[in-house]
């Protein structure tokens, strides 16, 4: 039985600055590209049956540089649509909404390109992805190249937890995590590993 390999895309200028990056297509930095390249040897050693990537260029480029050139684009792997909070940092949002938490308070609607999503909508997409990829695991590992908040929600749903439990799983850029099973129970096998630790 294979495992789910979760790969958060490499760093961008927005992720480095802590800006919420949902549907805005921000490219990888040089450091983000280097981190993606460093993941390739660890992935080459895995029995990957198939790979999927978010449509965002930062995820597709990470997949390519990590050796997953044949990754299938899956719109359900897009990041949380942050609506009116797109491009803003948590500190900036809290000037208007003291104590704001994405996981508890959600987002406000934005423009037509960023209408916003509830956590339930993000969880529905994560559940759809899991429903699609879980039947593939008997053939080997399945790699998912996507985004921090989406992958944290997906992890919560893999574990049978409510989506807001994703707040408990810090996930850095350019890292690899593994979801598997132990005695048929879903578990986290490895979490938030940079290439230096994997190698």
N, C-alpha and C. Protein backbone atom coordinates (compact mmCIF):
# COMPACT_ATOMS: atom_id res chain seq x y z
N UNK A 1 0.85 -1.20 0.00
CA UNK A 1 0.00 0.00 0.00
C UNK A 1 0.89 1.24 0.00
N UNK A 2 0.60 2.13 -0.93
CA UNK A 2 1.39 3.35 -1.02
C UNK A 2 0.99 4.39 0.03
N UNK A 3 1.72 5.49 0.01
CA UNK A 3 1.43 6.61 0.89
C UNK A 3 1.13 7.84 0.05
N UNK A 4 0.45 8.80 0.67
CA UNK A 4 0.26 10.10 0.04
C UNK A 4 1.49 10.94 0.35
N UNK A 5 2.10 11.46 -0.69
CA UNK A 5 3.24 12.36 -0.54
C UNK A 5 2.72 13.78 -0.75
N UNK A 6 2.77 14.58 0.28
CA UNK A 6 2.33 15.97 0.19
C UNK A 6 3.54 16.87 0.02
N UNK A 7 3.52 17.67 -1.02
CA UNK A 7 4.63 18.59 -1.28
C UNK A 7 4.07 20.01 -1.34
N UNK A 8 4.51 20.85 -0.43
CA UNK A 8 4.13 22.26 -0.52
C UNK A 8 5.12 22.92 -1.46
N UNK A 9 4.60 23.72 -2.36
CA UNK A 9 5.44 24.39 -3.35
C UNK A 9 6.57 25.19 -2.68
N UNK A 10 7.59 25.49 -3.44
CA UNK A 10 8.70 26.28 -2.94
C UNK A 10 8.29 27.71 -2.64
N UNK A 11 9.21 28.44 -2.05
CA UNK A 11 8.93 29.80 -1.59
C UNK A 11 8.66 30.76 -2.75
N UNK A 12 7.79 31.72 -2.48
CA UNK A 12 7.54 32.85 -3.38
C UNK A 12 7.80 34.13 -2.59
N UNK A 13 7.82 35.26 -3.27
CA UNK A 13 7.98 36.52 -2.55
C UNK A 13 6.82 36.73 -1.58
N UNK A 14 5.62 36.33 -1.97
CA UNK A 14 4.46 36.51 -1.10
C UNK A 14 4.51 35.58 0.10
N UNK A 15 4.90 34.32 -0.11
CA UNK A 15 4.96 33.40 1.04
C UNK A 15 6.05 33.85 2.00
N UNK A 16 7.15 34.35 1.46
CA UNK A 16 8.25 34.83 2.31
C UNK A 16 7.80 36.01 3.17
N UNK A 17 6.91 36.83 2.63
CA UNK A 17 6.41 38.01 3.35
C UNK A 17 5.20 37.70 4.22
N UNK A 18 4.70 36.46 4.16
CA UNK A 18 3.53 36.10 4.95
C UNK A 18 2.21 36.59 4.37
N UNK A 19 2.20 36.89 3.08
CA UNK A 19 0.97 37.37 2.42
C UNK A 19 0.12 36.18 2.00
N UNK A 20 -1.17 36.24 2.28
CA UNK A 20 -2.09 35.17 1.88
C UNK A 20 -2.15 35.10 0.36
N UNK A 21 -1.77 33.95 -0.17
CA UNK A 21 -1.68 33.77 -1.62
C UNK A 21 -2.62 32.66 -2.04
N UNK A 22 -3.82 33.03 -2.45
CA UNK A 22 -4.79 32.04 -2.88
C UNK A 22 -4.71 31.84 -4.38
N UNK A 23 -5.47 32.62 -5.13
CA UNK A 23 -5.56 32.45 -6.58
C UNK A 23 -4.60 33.34 -7.36
N UNK A 24 -3.89 34.25 -6.70
CA UNK A 24 -2.91 35.08 -7.39
C UNK A 24 -1.74 34.20 -7.80
N UNK A 25 -1.32 34.30 -9.06
CA UNK A 25 -0.28 33.41 -9.58
C UNK A 25 1.09 34.06 -9.39
N UNK A 26 1.73 33.74 -8.28
CA UNK A 26 3.02 34.31 -7.92
C UNK A 26 4.11 33.26 -8.20
N UNK A 27 5.18 33.63 -8.92
CA UNK A 27 6.21 32.64 -9.26
C UNK A 27 7.11 32.30 -8.07
N UNK A 28 7.82 31.20 -8.20
CA UNK A 28 8.80 30.81 -7.21
C UNK A 28 9.97 31.79 -7.22
N UNK A 29 10.57 31.99 -6.07
CA UNK A 29 11.84 32.70 -5.99
C UNK A 29 12.97 31.74 -6.40
N UNK A 30 14.17 32.27 -6.52
CA UNK A 30 15.31 31.39 -6.80
C UNK A 30 15.47 30.36 -5.68
N UNK A 31 15.27 30.80 -4.44
CA UNK A 31 15.37 29.86 -3.31
C UNK A 31 14.26 28.82 -3.37
N UNK A 32 13.08 29.23 -3.82
CA UNK A 32 11.97 28.28 -3.97
C UNK A 32 12.26 27.23 -5.03
N UNK A 33 12.89 27.66 -6.13
CA UNK A 33 13.26 26.70 -7.17
C UNK A 33 14.34 25.75 -6.66
N UNK A 34 15.30 26.28 -5.92
CA UNK A 34 16.37 25.42 -5.38
C UNK A 34 15.81 24.38 -4.42
N UNK A 35 14.86 24.78 -3.59
CA UNK A 35 14.25 23.84 -2.65
C UNK A 35 13.51 22.73 -3.38
N UNK A 36 12.83 23.08 -4.47
CA UNK A 36 12.12 22.07 -5.26
C UNK A 36 13.10 21.08 -5.87
N UNK A 37 14.19 21.58 -6.41
CA UNK A 37 15.21 20.70 -7.00
C UNK A 37 15.77 19.75 -5.95
N UNK A 38 15.95 20.24 -4.73
CA UNK A 38 16.52 19.41 -3.66
C UNK A 38 15.59 18.28 -3.23
N UNK A 39 14.30 18.38 -3.54
CA UNK A 39 13.36 17.31 -3.20
C UNK A 39 13.46 16.13 -4.17
N UNK A 40 14.00 16.38 -5.36
CA UNK A 40 13.99 15.36 -6.42
C UNK A 40 14.62 14.03 -6.03
N UNK A 41 15.78 14.00 -5.38
CA UNK A 41 16.37 12.69 -5.04
C UNK A 41 15.49 11.84 -4.13
N UNK A 42 14.86 12.47 -3.14
CA UNK A 42 13.99 11.72 -2.24
C UNK A 42 12.79 11.16 -2.98
N UNK A 43 12.24 11.94 -3.91
CA UNK A 43 11.08 11.48 -4.67
C UNK A 43 11.48 10.38 -5.65
N UNK A 44 12.68 10.45 -6.19
CA UNK A 44 13.14 9.44 -7.14
C UNK A 44 13.25 8.07 -6.49
N UNK A 45 13.42 8.04 -5.18
CA UNK A 45 13.54 6.78 -4.45
C UNK A 45 12.19 6.18 -4.06
N UNK A 46 11.10 6.89 -4.35
CA UNK A 46 9.77 6.44 -3.93
C UNK A 46 9.05 5.74 -5.09
N UNK A 47 8.19 4.76 -4.78
CA UNK A 47 7.41 4.08 -5.83
C UNK A 47 6.16 4.90 -6.19
N UNK A 48 6.35 6.02 -6.87
CA UNK A 48 5.24 6.93 -7.17
C UNK A 48 4.45 6.40 -8.37
N UNK A 49 3.18 6.10 -8.11
CA UNK A 49 2.31 5.59 -9.17
C UNK A 49 1.78 6.73 -10.03
N UNK A 50 1.46 7.84 -9.40
CA UNK A 50 0.95 9.00 -10.12
C UNK A 50 1.14 10.24 -9.27
N UNK A 51 1.06 11.39 -9.92
CA UNK A 51 1.23 12.66 -9.22
C UNK A 51 0.21 13.66 -9.74
N UNK A 52 -0.22 14.54 -8.85
CA UNK A 52 -1.17 15.59 -9.19
C UNK A 52 -0.62 16.92 -8.69
N UNK A 53 -0.97 17.99 -9.38
CA UNK A 53 -0.51 19.31 -8.97
C UNK A 53 -1.63 20.33 -9.07
N UNK A 54 -1.57 21.31 -8.22
CA UNK A 54 -2.43 22.48 -8.34
C UNK A 54 -2.15 23.16 -9.69
N UNK A 55 -3.14 23.87 -10.22
CA UNK A 55 -2.90 24.59 -11.47
C UNK A 55 -1.97 25.80 -11.33
N UNK A 56 -1.74 26.29 -10.12
CA UNK A 56 -0.91 27.47 -9.93
C UNK A 56 0.52 27.21 -10.43
N UNK A 57 1.11 28.20 -11.06
CA UNK A 57 2.44 28.01 -11.65
C UNK A 57 3.48 27.67 -10.59
N UNK A 58 3.33 28.19 -9.37
CA UNK A 58 4.30 27.89 -8.31
C UNK A 58 4.28 26.40 -7.95
N UNK A 59 3.10 25.78 -8.03
CA UNK A 59 3.00 24.34 -7.76
C UNK A 59 3.47 23.53 -8.96
N UNK A 60 3.04 23.92 -10.16
CA UNK A 60 3.45 23.18 -11.36
C UNK A 60 4.97 23.22 -11.54
N UNK A 61 5.57 24.38 -11.26
CA UNK A 61 7.02 24.50 -11.39
C UNK A 61 7.73 23.66 -10.33
N UNK A 62 7.19 23.64 -9.12
CA UNK A 62 7.76 22.79 -8.07
C UNK A 62 7.72 21.32 -8.50
N UNK A 63 6.57 20.89 -9.02
CA UNK A 63 6.45 19.50 -9.48
C UNK A 63 7.50 19.19 -10.55
N UNK A 64 7.63 20.07 -11.50
CA UNK A 64 8.59 19.86 -12.60
C UNK A 64 10.03 19.75 -12.06
N UNK A 65 10.41 20.70 -11.21
CA UNK A 65 11.78 20.71 -10.71
C UNK A 65 12.07 19.55 -9.77
N UNK A 66 11.02 19.03 -9.11
CA UNK A 66 11.18 17.90 -8.20
C UNK A 66 11.15 16.56 -8.93
N UNK A 67 11.02 16.59 -10.27
CA UNK A 67 11.05 15.37 -11.05
C UNK A 67 9.69 14.77 -11.34
N UNK A 68 8.63 15.54 -11.10
CA UNK A 68 7.26 15.05 -11.34
C UNK A 68 6.67 15.73 -12.57
N UNK A 69 7.40 15.69 -13.67
CA UNK A 69 7.00 16.41 -14.89
C UNK A 69 5.65 15.96 -15.42
N UNK A 70 5.26 14.71 -15.15
CA UNK A 70 4.00 14.18 -15.67
C UNK A 70 2.82 14.40 -14.72
N UNK A 71 3.01 15.23 -13.71
CA UNK A 71 1.93 15.48 -12.75
C UNK A 71 0.69 16.02 -13.46
N UNK A 72 -0.45 15.50 -13.06
CA UNK A 72 -1.74 15.88 -13.65
C UNK A 72 -2.28 17.10 -12.91
N UNK A 73 -2.68 18.11 -13.64
CA UNK A 73 -3.24 19.33 -13.03
C UNK A 73 -4.63 19.03 -12.49
N UNK A 74 -4.83 19.33 -11.22
CA UNK A 74 -6.11 19.07 -10.55
C UNK A 74 -6.60 20.38 -9.92
N UNK A 75 -7.66 20.98 -10.46
CA UNK A 75 -8.17 22.24 -9.92
C UNK A 75 -8.58 22.16 -8.45
N UNK A 76 -8.91 20.97 -7.96
CA UNK A 76 -9.29 20.84 -6.56
C UNK A 76 -8.11 21.02 -5.61
N UNK A 77 -6.89 21.05 -6.14
CA UNK A 77 -5.70 21.26 -5.31
C UNK A 77 -5.33 22.74 -5.19
N UNK A 78 -6.15 23.63 -5.75
CA UNK A 78 -5.88 25.07 -5.60
C UNK A 78 -5.91 25.46 -4.12
N UNK A 79 -5.18 26.53 -3.81
CA UNK A 79 -5.16 27.03 -2.44
C UNK A 79 -6.52 27.61 -2.06
N UNK A 80 -6.76 27.72 -0.78
CA UNK A 80 -7.93 28.40 -0.21
C UNK A 80 -8.08 29.74 -0.93
N UNK A 81 -9.27 30.05 -1.38
CA UNK A 81 -9.55 31.37 -1.97
C UNK A 81 -9.78 32.33 -0.81
N UNK A 82 -8.83 33.26 -0.62
CA UNK A 82 -8.87 34.15 0.54
C UNK A 82 -9.76 35.38 0.35
N UNK A 83 -10.42 35.46 -0.81
CA UNK A 83 -11.35 36.56 -1.01
C UNK A 83 -10.71 37.92 -0.82
N UNK A 84 -11.34 38.77 0.01
CA UNK A 84 -10.85 40.11 0.26
C UNK A 84 -9.56 40.17 1.04
N UNK A 85 -9.10 39.04 1.55
CA UNK A 85 -7.84 39.01 2.28
C UNK A 85 -6.65 38.59 1.41
N UNK A 86 -6.91 38.38 0.13
CA UNK A 86 -5.85 38.01 -0.79
C UNK A 86 -4.73 39.05 -0.77
N UNK A 87 -3.50 38.58 -0.60
CA UNK A 87 -2.35 39.46 -0.62
C UNK A 87 -2.05 40.16 0.69
N UNK A 88 -2.91 40.00 1.68
CA UNK A 88 -2.70 40.67 2.97
C UNK A 88 -2.06 39.70 3.97
N UNK A 89 -1.31 40.25 4.91
CA UNK A 89 -0.73 39.43 5.97
C UNK A 89 -1.72 39.33 7.13
N UNK A 90 -1.48 38.38 8.01
CA UNK A 90 -2.33 38.25 9.20
C UNK A 90 -2.29 39.52 10.02
N UNK A 91 -1.11 40.12 10.18
CA UNK A 91 -0.99 41.35 10.96
C UNK A 91 -1.83 42.47 10.35
N UNK A 92 -1.84 42.58 9.03
CA UNK A 92 -2.65 43.61 8.38
C UNK A 92 -4.14 43.37 8.59
N UNK A 93 -4.56 42.13 8.47
CA UNK A 93 -5.97 41.80 8.67
C UNK A 93 -6.39 42.10 10.10
N UNK A 94 -5.52 41.83 11.04
CA UNK A 94 -5.86 42.05 12.45
C UNK A 94 -5.94 43.52 12.85
N UNK A 95 -5.47 44.43 11.99
CA UNK A 95 -5.70 45.85 12.28
C UNK A 95 -7.17 46.19 12.15
N UNK A 96 -7.88 45.47 11.27
CA UNK A 96 -9.32 45.65 11.11
C UNK A 96 -10.14 44.68 11.96
N UNK A 97 -9.58 43.48 12.17
CA UNK A 97 -10.28 42.44 12.92
C UNK A 97 -9.34 41.88 13.99
N UNK A 98 -9.23 42.55 15.13
CA UNK A 98 -8.31 42.07 16.18
C UNK A 98 -8.59 40.62 16.55
N UNK A 99 -7.51 39.84 16.67
CA UNK A 99 -7.65 38.44 17.06
C UNK A 99 -8.08 37.52 15.94
N UNK A 100 -8.17 38.04 14.70
CA UNK A 100 -8.65 37.24 13.58
C UNK A 100 -7.83 35.96 13.41
N UNK A 101 -8.53 34.85 13.11
CA UNK A 101 -7.92 33.58 12.75
C UNK A 101 -8.61 33.05 11.50
N UNK A 102 -7.83 32.73 10.50
CA UNK A 102 -8.40 32.14 9.28
C UNK A 102 -9.24 30.92 9.61
N UNK A 103 -8.73 30.08 10.50
CA UNK A 103 -9.38 28.81 10.81
C UNK A 103 -10.70 28.98 11.53
N UNK A 104 -10.83 30.03 12.31
CA UNK A 104 -12.05 30.26 13.08
C UNK A 104 -12.99 31.26 12.41
N UNK A 105 -12.40 32.32 11.83
CA UNK A 105 -13.20 33.45 11.36
C UNK A 105 -13.38 33.51 9.85
N UNK A 106 -12.57 32.76 9.11
CA UNK A 106 -12.73 32.72 7.66
C UNK A 106 -12.33 34.01 6.98
N UNK A 107 -12.85 34.20 5.79
CA UNK A 107 -12.47 35.34 4.95
C UNK A 107 -13.70 36.18 4.61
N UNK A 108 -13.44 37.36 4.06
CA UNK A 108 -14.52 38.21 3.55
C UNK A 108 -14.51 38.14 2.03
N UNK A 109 -15.65 38.36 1.39
CA UNK A 109 -15.67 38.31 -0.08
C UNK A 109 -14.73 39.34 -0.69
N UNK A 110 -14.17 38.98 -1.85
CA UNK A 110 -13.32 39.90 -2.58
C UNK A 110 -13.95 40.26 -3.91
N UNK A 111 -13.10 40.46 -4.92
CA UNK A 111 -13.60 40.79 -6.25
C UNK A 111 -13.99 39.53 -7.01
N UNK A 112 -14.31 39.69 -8.29
CA UNK A 112 -14.78 38.54 -9.09
C UNK A 112 -13.72 37.45 -9.20
N UNK A 113 -12.44 37.84 -9.19
CA UNK A 113 -11.36 36.86 -9.29
C UNK A 113 -11.07 36.19 -7.95
N UNK A 114 -11.53 36.79 -6.86
CA UNK A 114 -11.26 36.27 -5.52
C UNK A 114 -12.55 36.34 -4.68
N UNK A 115 -13.55 35.54 -5.02
CA UNK A 115 -14.82 35.62 -4.29
C UNK A 115 -14.73 35.12 -2.85
N UNK A 116 -13.74 34.28 -2.57
CA UNK A 116 -13.57 33.75 -1.22
C UNK A 116 -14.22 32.38 -1.06
N UNK A 117 -13.70 31.61 -0.10
CA UNK A 117 -14.25 30.29 0.21
C UNK A 117 -14.39 30.14 1.71
N UNK A 118 -15.38 29.36 2.12
CA UNK A 118 -15.49 28.97 3.52
C UNK A 118 -14.58 27.77 3.75
N UNK A 119 -14.29 27.49 5.00
CA UNK A 119 -13.46 26.32 5.31
C UNK A 119 -14.17 25.04 4.88
N UNK A 120 -15.49 25.04 4.91
CA UNK A 120 -16.25 23.86 4.47
C UNK A 120 -16.07 23.63 2.97
N UNK A 121 -16.01 24.70 2.20
CA UNK A 121 -15.79 24.55 0.77
C UNK A 121 -14.39 24.00 0.47
N UNK A 122 -13.40 24.48 1.23
CA UNK A 122 -12.04 23.96 1.07
C UNK A 122 -12.02 22.47 1.44
N UNK A 123 -12.69 22.12 2.52
CA UNK A 123 -12.75 20.72 2.96
C UNK A 123 -13.45 19.85 1.93
N UNK A 124 -14.48 20.36 1.29
CA UNK A 124 -15.16 19.60 0.24
C UNK A 124 -14.19 19.28 -0.90
N UNK A 125 -13.36 20.26 -1.28
CA UNK A 125 -12.38 20.00 -2.33
C UNK A 125 -11.34 18.97 -1.87
N UNK A 126 -10.90 19.10 -0.63
CA UNK A 126 -9.93 18.14 -0.10
C UNK A 126 -10.52 16.73 -0.07
N UNK A 127 -11.78 16.62 0.35
CA UNK A 127 -12.44 15.32 0.37
C UNK A 127 -12.56 14.74 -1.04
N UNK A 128 -12.82 15.61 -2.01
CA UNK A 128 -12.90 15.16 -3.40
C UNK A 128 -11.56 14.60 -3.86
N UNK A 129 -10.48 15.30 -3.53
CA UNK A 129 -9.14 14.81 -3.88
C UNK A 129 -8.89 13.46 -3.23
N UNK A 130 -9.16 13.36 -1.93
CA UNK A 130 -8.93 12.09 -1.23
C UNK A 130 -9.77 10.96 -1.83
N UNK A 131 -10.99 11.26 -2.20
CA UNK A 131 -11.84 10.24 -2.81
C UNK A 131 -11.30 9.75 -4.14
N UNK A 132 -10.59 10.64 -4.84
CA UNK A 132 -10.02 10.29 -6.14
C UNK A 132 -8.70 9.53 -6.00
N UNK A 133 -7.86 9.92 -5.03
CA UNK A 133 -6.51 9.35 -4.98
C UNK A 133 -6.39 8.12 -4.08
N UNK A 134 -7.25 7.99 -3.08
CA UNK A 134 -7.13 6.84 -2.18
C UNK A 134 -7.21 5.50 -2.92
N UNK A 135 -8.12 5.35 -3.92
CA UNK A 135 -8.15 4.07 -4.65
C UNK A 135 -6.88 3.79 -5.45
N UNK A 136 -6.02 4.79 -5.66
CA UNK A 136 -4.79 4.59 -6.41
C UNK A 136 -3.65 4.07 -5.55
N UNK A 137 -3.78 4.16 -4.23
CA UNK A 137 -2.68 3.83 -3.33
C UNK A 137 -2.24 2.36 -3.37
N UNK A 138 -3.12 1.40 -3.67
CA UNK A 138 -2.61 0.02 -3.80
C UNK A 138 -1.55 -0.14 -4.90
N UNK A 139 -1.52 0.79 -5.84
CA UNK A 139 -0.54 0.71 -6.93
C UNK A 139 0.79 1.39 -6.59
N UNK A 140 0.84 2.14 -5.48
CA UNK A 140 2.06 2.86 -5.10
C UNK A 140 1.73 4.20 -4.49
N UNK A 141 2.76 5.01 -4.31
CA UNK A 141 2.56 6.33 -3.73
C UNK A 141 1.84 7.26 -4.69
N UNK A 142 1.15 8.24 -4.12
CA UNK A 142 0.53 9.30 -4.90
C UNK A 142 1.06 10.63 -4.38
N UNK A 143 1.66 11.42 -5.25
CA UNK A 143 2.21 12.71 -4.87
C UNK A 143 1.21 13.82 -5.17
N UNK A 144 1.06 14.73 -4.22
CA UNK A 144 0.19 15.89 -4.37
C UNK A 144 1.03 17.15 -4.16
N UNK A 145 1.16 17.96 -5.18
CA UNK A 145 1.93 19.20 -5.08
C UNK A 145 0.94 20.35 -5.00
N UNK A 146 0.94 21.03 -3.86
CA UNK A 146 -0.10 22.05 -3.67
C UNK A 146 0.37 23.10 -2.68
N UNK A 147 -0.53 23.54 -1.81
CA UNK A 147 -0.36 24.75 -1.02
C UNK A 147 -0.57 24.47 0.47
N UNK A 148 -0.05 25.37 1.29
CA UNK A 148 -0.03 25.17 2.73
C UNK A 148 -1.39 24.92 3.36
N UNK A 149 -2.32 25.84 3.18
CA UNK A 149 -3.60 25.68 3.88
C UNK A 149 -4.42 24.53 3.30
N UNK A 150 -4.44 24.40 1.98
CA UNK A 150 -5.18 23.28 1.38
C UNK A 150 -4.64 21.95 1.87
N UNK A 151 -3.32 21.79 1.91
CA UNK A 151 -2.75 20.51 2.35
C UNK A 151 -2.97 20.27 3.84
N UNK A 152 -3.04 21.32 4.63
CA UNK A 152 -3.32 21.16 6.06
C UNK A 152 -4.77 20.71 6.27
N UNK A 153 -5.70 21.26 5.50
CA UNK A 153 -7.10 20.81 5.57
C UNK A 153 -7.19 19.36 5.10
N UNK A 154 -6.52 19.04 4.00
CA UNK A 154 -6.54 17.68 3.47
C UNK A 154 -6.00 16.69 4.50
N UNK A 155 -4.96 17.07 5.22
CA UNK A 155 -4.40 16.20 6.26
C UNK A 155 -5.40 15.96 7.37
N UNK A 156 -6.07 17.02 7.80
CA UNK A 156 -7.11 16.86 8.83
C UNK A 156 -8.18 15.89 8.36
N UNK A 157 -8.60 16.02 7.12
CA UNK A 157 -9.66 15.15 6.59
C UNK A 157 -9.15 13.70 6.45
N UNK A 158 -7.88 13.51 6.06
CA UNK A 158 -7.30 12.16 6.00
C UNK A 158 -7.39 11.49 7.36
N UNK A 159 -7.15 12.26 8.41
CA UNK A 159 -7.15 11.72 9.77
C UNK A 159 -8.55 11.61 10.37
N UNK A 160 -9.56 12.01 9.60
CA UNK A 160 -10.94 11.95 10.10
C UNK A 160 -11.28 13.09 11.05
N UNK A 161 -10.51 14.17 10.99
CA UNK A 161 -10.73 15.32 11.86
C UNK A 161 -11.51 16.41 11.13
N UNK A 162 -12.13 17.33 11.87
CA UNK A 162 -12.79 18.46 11.21
C UNK A 162 -11.75 19.33 10.52
N UNK A 163 -12.13 20.04 9.47
CA UNK A 163 -11.14 20.79 8.69
C UNK A 163 -10.37 21.83 9.49
N UNK A 164 -11.00 22.41 10.51
CA UNK A 164 -10.31 23.43 11.29
C UNK A 164 -9.13 22.86 12.08
N UNK A 165 -9.04 21.53 12.21
CA UNK A 165 -7.89 20.91 12.85
C UNK A 165 -6.63 21.10 12.03
N UNK A 166 -6.76 21.51 10.78
CA UNK A 166 -5.60 21.81 9.97
C UNK A 166 -4.71 22.88 10.57
N UNK A 167 -5.27 23.69 11.46
CA UNK A 167 -4.48 24.75 12.12
C UNK A 167 -3.35 24.15 12.95
N UNK A 168 -3.44 22.88 13.30
CA UNK A 168 -2.45 22.23 14.16
C UNK A 168 -1.22 21.74 13.41
N UNK A 169 -1.25 21.80 12.08
CA UNK A 169 -0.18 21.21 11.27
C UNK A 169 0.60 22.28 10.52
N UNK A 170 1.62 22.83 11.14
CA UNK A 170 2.46 23.81 10.45
C UNK A 170 3.08 23.15 9.22
N UNK A 171 3.09 23.89 8.12
CA UNK A 171 3.62 23.33 6.88
C UNK A 171 4.41 24.41 6.14
N UNK A 172 5.71 24.22 6.06
CA UNK A 172 6.59 25.21 5.43
C UNK A 172 6.70 24.97 3.93
N UNK A 173 7.16 26.00 3.21
CA UNK A 173 7.36 25.87 1.77
C UNK A 173 8.52 24.91 1.48
N UNK A 174 8.43 24.26 0.33
CA UNK A 174 9.50 23.38 -0.12
C UNK A 174 9.73 22.16 0.74
N UNK A 175 8.64 21.66 1.35
CA UNK A 175 8.77 20.50 2.23
C UNK A 175 7.96 19.32 1.72
N UNK A 176 8.28 18.16 2.29
CA UNK A 176 7.61 16.91 1.95
C UNK A 176 7.03 16.30 3.22
N UNK A 177 5.81 15.79 3.12
CA UNK A 177 5.15 15.10 4.22
C UNK A 177 4.53 13.81 3.68
N UNK A 178 4.35 12.84 4.56
CA UNK A 178 3.79 11.55 4.15
C UNK A 178 2.58 11.21 5.01
N UNK A 179 1.50 10.82 4.35
CA UNK A 179 0.30 10.31 5.03
C UNK A 179 0.15 8.85 4.67
N UNK A 180 -0.03 8.02 5.70
CA UNK A 180 -0.17 6.60 5.45
C UNK A 180 -1.15 5.97 6.41
N UNK A 181 -0.95 4.69 6.69
CA UNK A 181 -1.81 3.98 7.63
C UNK A 181 -0.95 3.13 8.56
N UNK A 182 -1.52 2.86 9.72
CA UNK A 182 -0.93 1.91 10.65
C UNK A 182 -2.07 1.07 11.21
N UNK A 183 -2.02 -0.24 10.97
CA UNK A 183 -3.11 -1.13 11.36
C UNK A 183 -4.44 -0.63 10.82
N UNK A 184 -4.43 -0.18 9.58
CA UNK A 184 -5.59 0.32 8.84
C UNK A 184 -6.10 1.67 9.31
N UNK A 185 -5.46 2.28 10.30
CA UNK A 185 -5.85 3.62 10.75
C UNK A 185 -5.01 4.66 10.01
N UNK A 186 -5.63 5.76 9.55
CA UNK A 186 -4.86 6.81 8.87
C UNK A 186 -3.94 7.53 9.85
N UNK A 187 -2.70 7.76 9.42
CA UNK A 187 -1.70 8.40 10.28
C UNK A 187 -0.85 9.37 9.46
N UNK A 188 -0.13 10.23 10.17
CA UNK A 188 0.94 11.02 9.58
C UNK A 188 2.23 10.22 9.76
N UNK A 189 2.86 9.83 8.65
CA UNK A 189 4.10 9.05 8.72
C UNK A 189 5.32 9.95 8.91
N UNK A 190 5.34 11.07 8.20
CA UNK A 190 6.41 12.07 8.29
C UNK A 190 5.76 13.42 8.06
N UNK A 191 6.37 14.48 8.62
CA UNK A 191 5.72 15.78 8.46
C UNK A 191 6.73 16.91 8.30
N UNK A 192 6.48 17.77 7.31
CA UNK A 192 7.16 19.06 7.15
C UNK A 192 8.68 18.89 7.03
N UNK A 193 9.10 17.92 6.23
CA UNK A 193 10.53 17.63 6.11
C UNK A 193 11.17 18.43 4.98
N UNK A 194 12.18 19.24 5.29
CA UNK A 194 12.94 19.89 4.22
C UNK A 194 13.87 18.88 3.56
N UNK A 195 14.35 19.21 2.39
CA UNK A 195 15.21 18.27 1.65
C UNK A 195 16.43 17.87 2.45
N UNK A 196 16.99 18.78 3.22
CA UNK A 196 18.20 18.48 4.00
C UNK A 196 17.97 17.34 4.98
N UNK A 197 16.76 17.24 5.52
CA UNK A 197 16.44 16.18 6.47
C UNK A 197 16.14 14.88 5.73
N UNK A 198 15.46 15.00 4.60
CA UNK A 198 15.09 13.80 3.83
C UNK A 198 16.33 13.09 3.33
N UNK A 199 17.27 13.87 2.82
CA UNK A 199 18.46 13.28 2.23
C UNK A 199 19.33 12.62 3.28
